[in-house]
Amino acid sequence: MKSKLLLPKVATYLIGCGVILMMLGYALSGFSADRYRTSYDDRHWYNVVGFYIDD
């Protein structure tokens, strides 16, 4: 098998396994989206760069 054809096949398997592992981890966590949700204002981009608007 040529290495030119092997690389896309390996990449496809790695991406596929990653997606399956993410779905499995999400299922094992009890489908709780609240565990992954953070406060939107705390993670907003203007709080990261320190850009504040005064009205």
C-alpha atoms as a PDB file:
ATOM      1  CA  MET A   1       0.000   0.000   0.000  1.00  0.00           C
ATOM      2  CA  LYS A   2       1.317   3.409  -0.909  1.00  0.00           C
ATOM      3  CA  SER A   3       1.931   5.910   1.855  1.00  0.00           C
ATOM      4  CA  LYS A   4       0.064   8.535  -0.175  1.00  0.00           C
ATOM      5  CA  LEU A   5      -3.126   6.513   0.260  1.00  0.00           C
ATOM      6  CA  LEU A   6      -2.370   5.491   3.836  1.00  0.00           C
ATOM      7  CA  LEU A   7      -2.360   8.975   5.371  1.00  0.00           C
ATOM      8  CA  PRO A   8      -6.000   9.898   4.585  1.00  0.00           C
ATOM      9  CA  LYS A   9      -7.138   6.481   5.813  1.00  0.00           C
ATOM     10  CA  VAL A  10      -5.267   6.889   9.117  1.00  0.00           C
ATOM     11  CA  ALA A  11      -6.616  10.429   9.520  1.00  0.00           C
ATOM     12  CA  THR A  12     -10.157   9.211   8.886  1.00  0.00           C
ATOM     13  CA  TYR A  13      -9.812   6.498  11.521  1.00  0.00           C
ATOM     14  CA  LEU A  14      -8.361   8.941  14.065  1.00  0.00           C
ATOM     15  CA  ILE A  15     -11.143  11.479  13.527  1.00  0.00           C
ATOM     16  CA  GLY A  16     -13.797   8.769  13.630  1.00  0.00           C
ATOM     17  CA  CYS A  17     -12.429   7.299  16.859  1.00  0.00           C
ATOM     18  CA  GLY A  18     -12.250  10.780  18.384  1.00  0.00           C
ATOM     19  CA  VAL A  19     -15.900  11.490  17.570  1.00  0.00           C
ATOM     20  CA  ILE A  20     -16.988   8.121  18.952  1.00  0.00           C
ATOM     21  CA  LEU A  21     -15.004   8.680  22.161  1.00  0.00           C
ATOM     22  CA  MET A  22     -16.526  12.146  22.586  1.00  0.00           C
ATOM     23  CA  MET A  23     -20.047  10.764  22.179  1.00  0.00           C
ATOM     24  CA  LEU A  24     -19.273   7.908  24.569  1.00  0.00           C
ATOM     25  CA  GLY A  25     -17.901  10.303  27.179  1.00  0.00           C
ATOM     26  CA  TYR A  26     -20.955  12.534  26.815  1.00  0.00           C
ATOM     27  CA  ALA A  27     -23.257   9.532  27.218  1.00  0.00           C
ATOM     28  CA  LEU A  28     -21.386   8.268  30.279  1.00  0.00           C
ATOM     29  CA  SER A  29     -21.581  11.699  31.914  1.00  0.00           C
ATOM     30  CA  GLY A  30     -25.360  11.353  32.074  1.00  0.00           C
ATOM     31  CA  PHE A  31     -26.157  13.782  29.247  1.00  0.00           C
ATOM     32  CA  SER A  32     -25.723  16.718  31.617  1.00  0.00           C
ATOM     33  CA  ALA A  33     -25.082  19.815  29.539  1.00  0.00           C
ATOM     34  CA  ASP A  34     -24.961  21.881  32.740  1.00  0.00           C
ATOM     35  CA  ARG A  35     -21.567  20.435  33.594  1.00  0.00           C
ATOM     36  CA  TYR A  36     -20.057  21.919  30.453  1.00  0.00           C
ATOM     37  CA  ARG A  37     -21.946  25.211  30.503  1.00  0.00           C
ATOM     38  CA  THR A  38     -20.185  28.245  31.937  1.00  0.00           C
ATOM     39  CA  SER A  39     -21.376  31.759  32.481  1.00  0.00           C
ATOM     40  CA  TYR A  40     -21.461  33.518  29.132  1.00  0.00           C
ATOM     41  CA  ASP A  41     -20.318  36.852  30.531  1.00  0.00           C
ATOM     42  CA  ASP A  42     -17.316  35.311  32.273  1.00  0.00           C
ATOM     43  CA  ARG A  43     -16.041  33.766  29.050  1.00  0.00           C
ATOM     44  CA  HIS A  44     -16.955  36.584  26.682  1.00  0.00           C
ATOM     45  CA  TRP A  45     -14.206  37.921  24.453  1.00  0.00           C
ATOM     46  CA  TYR A  46     -14.289  41.475  25.779  1.00  0.00           C
ATOM     47  CA  ASN A  47     -13.585  40.231  29.304  1.00  0.00           C
ATOM     48  CA  VAL A  48     -10.570  38.348  27.978  1.00  0.00           C
ATOM     49  CA  VAL A  49      -9.001  41.284  26.143  1.00  0.00           C
ATOM     50  CA  GLY A  50     -10.048  43.865  28.726  1.00  0.00           C
ATOM     51  CA  PHE A  51     -12.276  45.915  26.418  1.00  0.00           C
ATOM     52  CA  TYR A  52     -15.094  47.563  28.333  1.00  0.00           C
ATOM     53  CA  ILE A  53     -17.811  49.872  27.023  1.00  0.00           C
ATOM     54  CA  ASP A  54     -19.162  52.577  29.301  1.00  0.00           C
ATOM     55  CA  ASP A  55     -22.621  53.822  28.376  1.00  0.00           C
END
